[in-house]
C-alpha cells in the first residue's frame, strides 16, 4: 500500500512524503511507521514534493499498463526508491 503524508501551513506545503509498504504476516519482521500499526516492510520511502511527484507518476505509469500497483514486485519499488 502507499502511505502519503502531507502538511501545510499559511505559507504552503511544509512536508510531503510517500511510503510504499508491504503488509506482513503475523510473526514476520517489520519496520515501524507513524500511524501504521504494527508496521510493515518498507519498500520505498521518499520526502519532498518533487520526489513524491515522481513516485506518483511511476504509479500512474504502472496503472496505464493495466497492472495493479500492489501486484508489482517489491524489488521494483526498491529500485524506484534508489
Protein backbone atom coordinates (compact mmCIF):
# COMPACT_ATOMS: atom_id res chain seq x y z
CA UNK A 1 0.00 0.00 0.00
CA UNK A 2 1.01 3.62 -0.42
CA UNK A 3 1.01 5.86 2.64
CA UNK A 4 1.06 9.56 1.76
CA UNK A 5 1.64 12.27 4.32
CA UNK A 6 1.33 15.93 3.51
CA UNK A 7 1.15 19.00 5.71
CA UNK A 8 0.87 22.71 5.04
CA UNK A 9 0.69 25.96 6.91
CA UNK A 10 -0.27 29.51 5.92
CA UNK A 11 2.80 29.72 3.69
CA UNK A 12 2.31 26.47 1.75
CA UNK A 13 3.49 22.89 1.90
CA UNK A 14 5.88 22.13 4.74
CA UNK A 15 6.23 18.37 4.25
CA UNK A 16 5.27 15.80 1.67
CA UNK A 17 6.17 12.14 1.91
CA UNK A 18 5.19 8.81 0.41
CA UNK A 19 5.99 5.32 1.61
CA UNK A 20 5.29 2.13 -0.33
CA UNK A 21 4.77 -0.55 2.28
CA UNK A 22 4.06 -4.26 2.10
CA UNK A 23 1.83 -5.74 4.78
CA UNK A 24 3.50 -8.53 6.73
CA UNK A 25 2.11 -11.75 8.16
CA UNK A 26 1.78 -12.24 11.89
CA UNK A 27 5.18 -13.09 13.33
CA UNK A 28 7.19 -11.66 10.38
CA UNK A 29 9.75 -8.94 10.96
CA UNK A 30 8.56 -5.40 10.19
CA UNK A 31 9.63 -1.78 10.30
CA UNK A 32 7.62 0.81 12.18
CA UNK A 33 5.91 3.78 10.58
CA UNK A 34 3.93 6.59 12.20
CA UNK A 35 0.18 5.84 12.13
CA UNK A 36 0.68 2.27 10.80
CA UNK A 37 0.26 -0.46 13.38
CA UNK A 38 2.18 -2.57 13.85
CA UNK A 39 4.23 -1.60 10.78
CA UNK A 40 5.27 -3.23 7.51
CA UNK A 41 8.03 -3.95 5.06
CA UNK A 42 9.03 -0.50 3.78
CA UNK A 43 9.86 -0.84 0.09
CA UNK A 44 10.17 2.85 -0.75
CA UNK A 45 10.39 6.00 1.35
CA UNK A 46 10.79 9.45 -0.18
CA UNK A 47 10.38 13.02 1.04
CA UNK A 48 9.95 16.37 -0.74
CA UNK A 49 7.31 17.16 -3.29
CA UNK A 50 9.46 16.66 -6.46
CA UNK A 51 10.39 13.12 -5.37
CA UNK A 52 6.86 12.29 -4.21
CA UNK A 53 5.51 13.54 -7.54
CA UNK A 54 7.90 11.22 -9.43
CA UNK A 55 6.68 8.23 -7.39
CA UNK A 56 3.06 9.16 -8.10
CA UNK A 57 3.94 9.40 -11.81
CA UNK A 58 5.53 5.93 -11.62
CA UNK A 59 2.34 4.57 -10.06
CA UNK A 60 0.28 6.20 -12.83
CA UNK A 61 2.56 4.68 -15.48
CA UNK A 62 2.12 1.22 -13.98
CA UNK A 63 -1.66 1.62 -13.93
CA UNK A 64 -1.67 2.79 -17.58
CA UNK A 65 -0.16 -0.60 -18.41
CA UNK A 66 -3.20 -2.23 -16.74
CA UNK A 67 -1.00 -3.54 -13.92
CA UNK A 68 -2.26 -3.19 -10.38
CA UNK A 69 0.46 -1.48 -8.29
CA UNK A 70 0.03 -3.96 -5.44
CA UNK A 71 0.98 -6.80 -7.81
CA UNK A 72 4.31 -5.21 -8.78
CA UNK A 73 7.42 -6.93 -7.46
CA UNK A 74 8.74 -5.46 -4.19
CA UNK A 75 12.13 -5.19 -5.90
CA UNK A 76 10.63 -2.75 -8.42
CA UNK A 77 9.67 -0.35 -5.63
CA UNK A 78 13.11 -0.69 -4.06
CA UNK A 79 14.62 0.13 -7.47
CA UNK A 80 12.45 3.25 -7.83
CA UNK A 81 13.47 4.27 -4.31
CA UNK A 82 17.12 4.18 -5.32
